[in-house]
N, C-alpha and C. Protein backbone atom coordinates (compact mmCIF):
# COMPACT_ATOMS: atom_id res chain seq x y z
N UNK A 1 -7.77 12.81 11.78
CA UNK A 1 -7.25 11.50 11.46
C UNK A 1 -6.90 11.44 9.97
N UNK A 2 -5.73 10.90 9.66
CA UNK A 2 -5.31 10.73 8.27
C UNK A 2 -5.64 9.30 7.84
N UNK A 3 -6.37 9.18 6.74
CA UNK A 3 -6.80 7.88 6.24
C UNK A 3 -6.01 7.56 4.97
N UNK A 4 -5.27 6.43 5.02
CA UNK A 4 -4.36 6.04 3.94
C UNK A 4 -4.78 4.69 3.37
N UNK A 5 -4.89 4.62 2.04
CA UNK A 5 -5.21 3.37 1.36
C UNK A 5 -4.08 3.03 0.39
N UNK A 6 -3.44 1.89 0.61
CA UNK A 6 -2.37 1.42 -0.27
C UNK A 6 -2.97 0.53 -1.36
N UNK A 7 -2.48 0.71 -2.58
CA UNK A 7 -3.05 0.00 -3.73
C UNK A 7 -1.96 -0.73 -4.51
N UNK A 8 -2.25 -1.99 -4.87
CA UNK A 8 -1.44 -2.72 -5.84
C UNK A 8 -2.38 -3.54 -6.73
N UNK A 9 -1.83 -4.37 -7.56
CA UNK A 9 -2.65 -5.11 -8.53
C UNK A 9 -3.61 -6.08 -7.86
N UNK A 10 -3.10 -6.95 -6.97
CA UNK A 10 -3.93 -8.01 -6.42
C UNK A 10 -4.27 -7.90 -4.95
N UNK A 11 -3.62 -6.98 -4.22
CA UNK A 11 -3.84 -6.78 -2.79
C UNK A 11 -3.43 -7.99 -1.96
N UNK A 12 -2.34 -8.66 -2.40
CA UNK A 12 -1.83 -9.77 -1.59
C UNK A 12 -0.33 -9.64 -1.30
N UNK A 13 0.39 -8.81 -2.03
CA UNK A 13 1.84 -8.67 -1.83
C UNK A 13 2.22 -7.26 -1.37
N UNK A 14 2.34 -6.33 -2.31
CA UNK A 14 2.89 -5.00 -2.01
C UNK A 14 1.97 -4.15 -1.15
N UNK A 15 0.71 -4.05 -1.51
CA UNK A 15 -0.18 -3.15 -0.75
C UNK A 15 -0.41 -3.68 0.65
N UNK A 16 -0.49 -5.01 0.82
CA UNK A 16 -0.66 -5.54 2.17
C UNK A 16 0.62 -5.33 2.98
N UNK A 17 1.77 -5.49 2.34
CA UNK A 17 3.03 -5.24 3.03
C UNK A 17 3.05 -3.78 3.50
N UNK A 18 2.68 -2.86 2.62
CA UNK A 18 2.67 -1.44 2.98
C UNK A 18 1.67 -1.17 4.11
N UNK A 19 0.50 -1.79 4.04
CA UNK A 19 -0.50 -1.61 5.10
C UNK A 19 0.07 -2.01 6.46
N UNK A 20 0.66 -3.19 6.54
CA UNK A 20 1.17 -3.67 7.83
C UNK A 20 2.42 -2.92 8.28
N UNK A 21 3.29 -2.56 7.35
CA UNK A 21 4.48 -1.77 7.71
C UNK A 21 4.04 -0.41 8.24
N UNK A 22 3.11 0.24 7.56
CA UNK A 22 2.64 1.56 8.00
C UNK A 22 1.97 1.48 9.37
N UNK A 23 1.15 0.47 9.58
CA UNK A 23 0.51 0.29 10.89
C UNK A 23 1.56 0.12 11.98
N UNK A 24 2.60 -0.64 11.68
CA UNK A 24 3.68 -0.87 12.63
C UNK A 24 4.43 0.43 12.95
N UNK A 25 4.77 1.19 11.92
CA UNK A 25 5.47 2.46 12.12
C UNK A 25 4.63 3.45 12.92
N UNK A 26 3.36 3.50 12.61
CA UNK A 26 2.44 4.41 13.31
C UNK A 26 2.34 4.01 14.78
N UNK A 27 2.25 2.71 15.04
CA UNK A 27 2.17 2.23 16.42
C UNK A 27 3.46 2.57 17.18
N UNK A 28 4.62 2.34 16.53
CA UNK A 28 5.90 2.66 17.17
C UNK A 28 6.00 4.14 17.50
N UNK A 29 5.41 4.98 16.67
CA UNK A 29 5.46 6.43 16.90
C UNK A 29 4.40 6.90 17.91
N UNK A 30 3.51 6.00 18.30
CA UNK A 30 2.44 6.36 19.24
C UNK A 30 1.32 7.15 18.59
N UNK A 31 1.15 6.98 17.28
CA UNK A 31 0.15 7.76 16.54
C UNK A 31 -1.03 6.91 16.05
N UNK A 32 -1.28 5.78 16.70
CA UNK A 32 -2.35 4.89 16.25
C UNK A 32 -3.70 5.58 16.12
N UNK A 33 -3.99 6.50 17.01
CA UNK A 33 -5.28 7.20 16.98
C UNK A 33 -5.36 8.26 15.89
N UNK A 34 -4.23 8.53 15.24
CA UNK A 34 -4.19 9.58 14.22
C UNK A 34 -4.26 9.06 12.79
N UNK A 35 -4.24 7.73 12.63
CA UNK A 35 -4.23 7.13 11.29
C UNK A 35 -5.24 6.01 11.17
N UNK A 36 -5.82 5.91 9.99
CA UNK A 36 -6.58 4.73 9.57
C UNK A 36 -5.90 4.23 8.31
N UNK A 37 -5.52 2.95 8.30
CA UNK A 37 -4.69 2.41 7.23
C UNK A 37 -5.31 1.13 6.70
N UNK A 38 -5.40 1.02 5.38
CA UNK A 38 -5.94 -0.18 4.75
C UNK A 38 -5.26 -0.37 3.40
N UNK A 39 -5.65 -1.43 2.69
CA UNK A 39 -5.12 -1.68 1.36
C UNK A 39 -6.18 -2.31 0.49
N UNK A 40 -5.97 -2.21 -0.83
CA UNK A 40 -6.93 -2.76 -1.79
C UNK A 40 -6.22 -3.01 -3.12
N UNK A 41 -6.94 -3.65 -4.03
CA UNK A 41 -6.42 -4.01 -5.35
C UNK A 41 -7.08 -3.18 -6.43
N UNK A 42 -6.42 -3.13 -7.57
CA UNK A 42 -7.08 -2.55 -8.75
C UNK A 42 -7.79 -3.64 -9.54
N UNK A 43 -7.38 -4.89 -9.37
CA UNK A 43 -7.99 -6.00 -10.12
C UNK A 43 -8.88 -6.83 -9.19
N UNK A 44 -9.57 -7.78 -9.79
CA UNK A 44 -10.40 -8.70 -9.02
C UNK A 44 -9.76 -10.09 -8.91
N UNK A 45 -8.55 -10.24 -9.43
CA UNK A 45 -7.91 -11.55 -9.54
C UNK A 45 -7.72 -12.28 -8.21
N UNK A 46 -7.42 -11.58 -7.17
CA UNK A 46 -7.10 -12.22 -5.89
C UNK A 46 -8.15 -11.96 -4.81
N UNK A 47 -9.29 -11.42 -5.18
CA UNK A 47 -10.34 -11.08 -4.21
C UNK A 47 -10.61 -12.28 -3.28
N UNK A 48 -10.59 -12.00 -1.99
CA UNK A 48 -10.87 -13.03 -0.99
C UNK A 48 -9.65 -13.77 -0.49
N UNK A 49 -8.52 -13.66 -1.19
CA UNK A 49 -7.31 -14.37 -0.76
C UNK A 49 -6.59 -13.62 0.35
N UNK A 50 -5.89 -14.38 1.17
CA UNK A 50 -5.10 -13.81 2.25
C UNK A 50 -3.77 -13.28 1.67
N UNK A 51 -3.01 -12.63 2.50
CA UNK A 51 -1.70 -12.10 2.13
C UNK A 51 -0.79 -13.22 1.61
N UNK A 52 -0.01 -12.92 0.59
CA UNK A 52 0.92 -13.87 -0.02
C UNK A 52 1.91 -14.38 1.04
N UNK A 53 2.24 -15.67 0.96
CA UNK A 53 3.15 -16.27 1.95
C UNK A 53 4.52 -15.58 1.97
N UNK A 54 5.02 -15.11 0.81
CA UNK A 54 6.31 -14.43 0.78
C UNK A 54 6.28 -13.11 1.53
N UNK A 55 5.16 -12.40 1.44
CA UNK A 55 4.99 -11.16 2.21
C UNK A 55 4.94 -11.48 3.70
N UNK A 56 4.20 -12.50 4.07
CA UNK A 56 4.13 -12.89 5.48
C UNK A 56 5.51 -13.26 6.02
N UNK A 57 6.26 -14.03 5.25
CA UNK A 57 7.61 -14.43 5.68
C UNK A 57 8.51 -13.21 5.89
N UNK A 58 8.44 -12.26 4.97
CA UNK A 58 9.28 -11.05 5.08
C UNK A 58 8.85 -10.22 6.29
N UNK A 59 7.56 -10.07 6.51
CA UNK A 59 7.08 -9.30 7.67
C UNK A 59 7.51 -9.97 8.97
N UNK A 60 7.40 -11.30 9.04
CA UNK A 60 7.87 -12.02 10.24
C UNK A 60 9.36 -11.77 10.47
N UNK A 61 10.14 -11.88 9.39
CA UNK A 61 11.59 -11.67 9.48
C UNK A 61 11.93 -10.29 10.02
N UNK A 62 11.14 -9.28 9.63
CA UNK A 62 11.41 -7.90 10.03
C UNK A 62 10.73 -7.52 11.34
N UNK A 63 9.96 -8.44 11.92
CA UNK A 63 9.28 -8.15 13.18
C UNK A 63 8.07 -7.24 13.04
N UNK A 64 7.44 -7.29 11.86
CA UNK A 64 6.26 -6.46 11.61
C UNK A 64 5.02 -7.33 11.78
N UNK A 65 4.16 -7.02 12.75
CA UNK A 65 2.96 -7.83 12.95
C UNK A 65 1.98 -7.70 11.78
N UNK A 66 1.24 -8.77 11.55
CA UNK A 66 0.21 -8.76 10.51
C UNK A 66 -0.94 -9.65 10.97
N UNK A 67 -2.06 -9.54 10.30
CA UNK A 67 -3.24 -10.32 10.65
C UNK A 67 -3.79 -10.98 9.39
N UNK A 68 -4.56 -12.01 9.58
CA UNK A 68 -5.25 -12.65 8.45
C UNK A 68 -6.20 -11.62 7.85
N UNK A 69 -6.28 -11.63 6.55
CA UNK A 69 -7.14 -10.65 5.86
C UNK A 69 -7.59 -11.22 4.54
N UNK A 70 -8.45 -10.50 3.86
CA UNK A 70 -8.94 -10.92 2.56
C UNK A 70 -8.76 -9.78 1.57
N UNK A 71 -8.21 -10.10 0.42
CA UNK A 71 -8.00 -9.08 -0.62
C UNK A 71 -9.34 -8.51 -1.06
N UNK A 72 -9.34 -7.19 -1.28
CA UNK A 72 -10.53 -6.48 -1.75
C UNK A 72 -10.14 -5.58 -2.92
N UNK A 73 -11.12 -5.19 -3.71
CA UNK A 73 -10.88 -4.26 -4.81
C UNK A 73 -11.27 -2.86 -4.38
N UNK A 74 -10.49 -1.89 -4.80
CA UNK A 74 -10.78 -0.48 -4.54
C UNK A 74 -12.09 -0.09 -5.20
N UNK A 75 -12.81 0.83 -4.56
CA UNK A 75 -14.06 1.36 -5.10
C UNK A 75 -14.02 2.88 -5.17
N UNK A 76 -14.97 3.44 -5.83
CA UNK A 76 -15.10 4.91 -5.86
C UNK A 76 -15.36 5.45 -4.46
N UNK A 77 -16.07 4.68 -3.64
CA UNK A 77 -16.33 5.09 -2.25
C UNK A 77 -15.01 5.20 -1.47
N UNK A 78 -14.07 4.30 -1.76
CA UNK A 78 -12.75 4.39 -1.12
C UNK A 78 -12.07 5.71 -1.50
N UNK A 79 -12.18 6.07 -2.76
CA UNK A 79 -11.57 7.33 -3.21
C UNK A 79 -12.15 8.51 -2.44
N UNK A 80 -13.44 8.50 -2.24
CA UNK A 80 -14.09 9.59 -1.49
C UNK A 80 -13.67 9.57 -0.01
N UNK A 81 -13.49 8.39 0.56
CA UNK A 81 -13.26 8.23 2.00
C UNK A 81 -11.82 8.51 2.42
N UNK A 82 -10.86 7.96 1.70
CA UNK A 82 -9.46 8.05 2.12
C UNK A 82 -8.83 9.38 1.72
N UNK A 83 -7.87 9.85 2.54
CA UNK A 83 -7.15 11.09 2.27
C UNK A 83 -6.03 10.89 1.27
N UNK A 84 -5.35 9.74 1.38
CA UNK A 84 -4.24 9.41 0.49
C UNK A 84 -4.52 8.05 -0.15
N UNK A 85 -4.38 8.00 -1.46
CA UNK A 85 -4.48 6.75 -2.21
C UNK A 85 -3.06 6.52 -2.76
N UNK A 86 -2.39 5.49 -2.28
CA UNK A 86 -0.97 5.32 -2.53
C UNK A 86 -0.73 4.06 -3.39
N UNK A 87 -0.31 4.29 -4.63
CA UNK A 87 -0.08 3.20 -5.59
C UNK A 87 1.37 2.76 -5.57
N UNK A 88 1.58 1.50 -5.92
CA UNK A 88 2.92 0.94 -5.95
C UNK A 88 3.65 1.19 -7.26
N UNK A 89 2.91 1.29 -8.38
CA UNK A 89 3.55 1.50 -9.68
C UNK A 89 2.59 2.19 -10.64
N UNK A 90 3.10 2.52 -11.83
CA UNK A 90 2.29 3.24 -12.82
C UNK A 90 1.12 2.41 -13.34
N UNK A 91 1.29 1.10 -13.41
CA UNK A 91 0.16 0.25 -13.81
C UNK A 91 -0.98 0.38 -12.80
N UNK A 92 -0.63 0.47 -11.52
CA UNK A 92 -1.64 0.67 -10.49
C UNK A 92 -2.34 2.02 -10.65
N UNK A 93 -1.57 3.06 -11.03
CA UNK A 93 -2.18 4.37 -11.28
C UNK A 93 -3.23 4.26 -12.39
N UNK A 94 -2.89 3.52 -13.44
CA UNK A 94 -3.84 3.31 -14.54
C UNK A 94 -5.08 2.58 -14.04
N UNK A 95 -4.89 1.54 -13.21
CA UNK A 95 -6.02 0.80 -12.66
C UNK A 95 -6.89 1.65 -11.76
N UNK A 96 -6.26 2.51 -10.98
CA UNK A 96 -7.03 3.42 -10.11
C UNK A 96 -7.87 4.35 -10.97
N UNK A 97 -7.29 4.90 -12.02
CA UNK A 97 -8.04 5.80 -12.91
C UNK A 97 -9.22 5.09 -13.57
N UNK A 98 -9.05 3.80 -13.86
CA UNK A 98 -10.16 3.02 -14.41
C UNK A 98 -11.33 2.98 -13.43
N UNK A 99 -11.03 2.97 -12.15
CA UNK A 99 -12.06 2.89 -11.11
C UNK A 99 -12.65 4.26 -10.80
N UNK A 100 -11.80 5.29 -10.71
CA UNK A 100 -12.27 6.60 -10.22
C UNK A 100 -12.39 7.67 -11.29
N UNK A 101 -11.85 7.43 -12.47
CA UNK A 101 -11.76 8.49 -13.46
C UNK A 101 -10.58 9.39 -13.11
N UNK A 102 -10.73 10.67 -13.33
CA UNK A 102 -9.65 11.62 -13.01
C UNK A 102 -9.52 11.80 -11.50
N UNK A 103 -8.30 12.03 -11.06
CA UNK A 103 -8.00 12.28 -9.65
C UNK A 103 -8.28 13.75 -9.36
N UNK A 104 -9.55 14.11 -9.35
CA UNK A 104 -9.95 15.51 -9.20
C UNK A 104 -9.62 16.08 -7.82
N UNK A 105 -9.46 15.21 -6.83
CA UNK A 105 -9.17 15.67 -5.48
C UNK A 105 -7.67 15.63 -5.14
N UNK A 106 -6.85 15.18 -6.09
CA UNK A 106 -5.40 15.17 -5.89
C UNK A 106 -4.94 14.25 -4.78
N UNK A 107 -5.57 13.09 -4.65
CA UNK A 107 -5.25 12.16 -3.57
C UNK A 107 -4.29 11.05 -3.97
N UNK A 108 -4.10 10.81 -5.25
CA UNK A 108 -3.40 9.62 -5.73
C UNK A 108 -1.93 9.94 -6.02
N UNK A 109 -1.02 9.15 -5.43
CA UNK A 109 0.42 9.29 -5.67
C UNK A 109 1.09 7.94 -5.62
N UNK A 110 2.25 7.86 -6.23
CA UNK A 110 3.09 6.67 -6.10
C UNK A 110 3.75 6.65 -4.73
N UNK A 111 3.88 5.47 -4.15
CA UNK A 111 4.49 5.35 -2.81
C UNK A 111 5.88 5.95 -2.76
N UNK A 112 6.71 5.66 -3.76
CA UNK A 112 8.08 6.14 -3.69
C UNK A 112 8.20 7.65 -3.90
N UNK A 113 7.13 8.30 -4.32
CA UNK A 113 7.18 9.77 -4.37
C UNK A 113 7.34 10.34 -2.97
N UNK A 114 6.89 9.62 -1.95
CA UNK A 114 7.05 10.06 -0.57
C UNK A 114 8.49 9.84 -0.08
N UNK A 115 9.28 9.09 -0.87
CA UNK A 115 10.69 8.86 -0.53
C UNK A 115 11.59 9.66 -1.45
N UNK A 116 11.03 10.67 -2.12
CA UNK A 116 11.84 11.54 -2.97
C UNK A 116 12.05 11.02 -4.38
N UNK A 117 11.30 10.00 -4.78
CA UNK A 117 11.39 9.44 -6.13
C UNK A 117 10.05 9.58 -6.83
N UNK A 118 9.76 10.74 -7.42
CA UNK A 118 8.44 11.01 -8.00
C UNK A 118 7.96 9.96 -9.00
N UNK A 119 8.88 9.35 -9.72
CA UNK A 119 8.51 8.34 -10.72
C UNK A 119 8.89 6.92 -10.29
N UNK A 120 9.35 6.77 -9.05
CA UNK A 120 9.80 5.47 -8.57
C UNK A 120 8.68 4.46 -8.43
N UNK A 121 8.98 3.21 -8.74
CA UNK A 121 7.99 2.15 -8.65
C UNK A 121 8.49 1.04 -7.73
N UNK A 122 7.58 0.47 -6.95
CA UNK A 122 7.89 -0.66 -6.09
C UNK A 122 7.71 -1.92 -6.93
N UNK A 123 8.79 -2.68 -7.08
CA UNK A 123 8.74 -3.90 -7.89
C UNK A 123 7.80 -4.93 -7.27
N UNK A 124 7.10 -5.65 -8.12
CA UNK A 124 6.13 -6.65 -7.68
C UNK A 124 6.84 -7.97 -7.39
N UNK A 125 6.90 -8.41 -6.12
CA UNK A 125 7.60 -9.64 -5.80
C UNK A 125 6.89 -10.89 -6.31
N UNK A 126 5.64 -10.75 -6.72
CA UNK A 126 4.93 -11.87 -7.35
C UNK A 126 5.73 -12.32 -8.58
N UNK A 127 6.32 -11.35 -9.28
CA UNK A 127 7.09 -11.64 -10.49
C UNK A 127 8.59 -11.73 -10.22
N UNK A 128 9.11 -10.87 -9.32
CA UNK A 128 10.55 -10.84 -9.10
C UNK A 128 11.02 -11.88 -8.09
N UNK A 129 10.14 -12.24 -7.15
CA UNK A 129 10.52 -13.13 -6.06
C UNK A 129 11.37 -12.45 -5.00
N UNK A 130 11.66 -11.17 -5.17
CA UNK A 130 12.55 -10.42 -4.28
C UNK A 130 11.74 -9.61 -3.27
N UNK A 131 11.29 -10.28 -2.22
CA UNK A 131 10.48 -9.63 -1.20
C UNK A 131 11.31 -8.65 -0.36
N UNK A 132 12.62 -8.86 -0.29
CA UNK A 132 13.50 -7.94 0.44
C UNK A 132 13.53 -6.57 -0.24
N UNK A 133 13.73 -6.55 -1.55
CA UNK A 133 13.76 -5.28 -2.29
C UNK A 133 12.42 -4.57 -2.15
N UNK A 134 11.34 -5.32 -2.22
CA UNK A 134 10.01 -4.72 -2.06
C UNK A 134 9.88 -4.13 -0.66
N UNK A 135 10.32 -4.88 0.35
CA UNK A 135 10.24 -4.39 1.72
C UNK A 135 11.02 -3.09 1.90
N UNK A 136 12.23 -3.05 1.37
CA UNK A 136 13.07 -1.85 1.51
C UNK A 136 12.35 -0.64 0.90
N UNK A 137 11.78 -0.79 -0.29
CA UNK A 137 11.06 0.32 -0.93
C UNK A 137 9.80 0.69 -0.16
N UNK A 138 9.05 -0.32 0.29
CA UNK A 138 7.83 -0.06 1.06
C UNK A 138 8.17 0.71 2.34
N UNK A 139 9.20 0.28 3.03
CA UNK A 139 9.61 0.95 4.27
C UNK A 139 9.98 2.40 4.00
N UNK A 140 10.79 2.65 2.96
CA UNK A 140 11.18 4.03 2.64
C UNK A 140 9.96 4.89 2.33
N UNK A 141 9.04 4.35 1.56
CA UNK A 141 7.84 5.11 1.22
C UNK A 141 6.96 5.39 2.42
N UNK A 142 6.77 4.40 3.27
CA UNK A 142 5.95 4.59 4.47
C UNK A 142 6.59 5.59 5.43
N UNK A 143 7.90 5.50 5.58
CA UNK A 143 8.60 6.48 6.43
C UNK A 143 8.42 7.89 5.85
N UNK A 144 8.45 8.01 4.54
CA UNK A 144 8.23 9.30 3.89
C UNK A 144 6.85 9.84 4.14
N UNK A 145 5.85 8.97 4.11
CA UNK A 145 4.47 9.42 4.41
C UNK A 145 4.42 9.97 5.82
N UNK A 146 5.02 9.26 6.78
CA UNK A 146 5.01 9.73 8.16
C UNK A 146 5.72 11.07 8.31
N UNK A 147 6.80 11.23 7.57
CA UNK A 147 7.60 12.45 7.67
C UNK A 147 6.98 13.62 6.91
N UNK A 148 6.47 13.35 5.69
CA UNK A 148 6.05 14.44 4.80
C UNK A 148 4.58 14.39 4.37
N UNK A 149 3.96 13.25 4.56
CA UNK A 149 2.62 13.04 3.98
C UNK A 149 1.55 13.79 4.66
């Protein structure tokens, strides 16, 4: 089983979108038993909050199922447990390093690196308001994980 943890700053927009998109893609492929997928934050700012309404609206529009959830912060135990730790941007990489120290196991990568963009970053719709652009990047990255990850 491949265990994937998506990471963003608050765990209410990008990482939750990636979690639900990846779960949807895995289900469509018939690989539900082969993956464990979750998401978390690098900060404590949104702990306990549900997914952002803009993310929910975009997922509904795209036909991607989602469930009520509560934002959580990544831990060192998560680093030990998950096979892939997938960050949305370089700031998230810095936040992950604050939690885990060095990536000695080589598990941490940017999401868009799975879409052929090693330095690519998924824009935060909390600031941009552009949930469509975020969705397009999240989808490309998740498809890349399925294909190459």
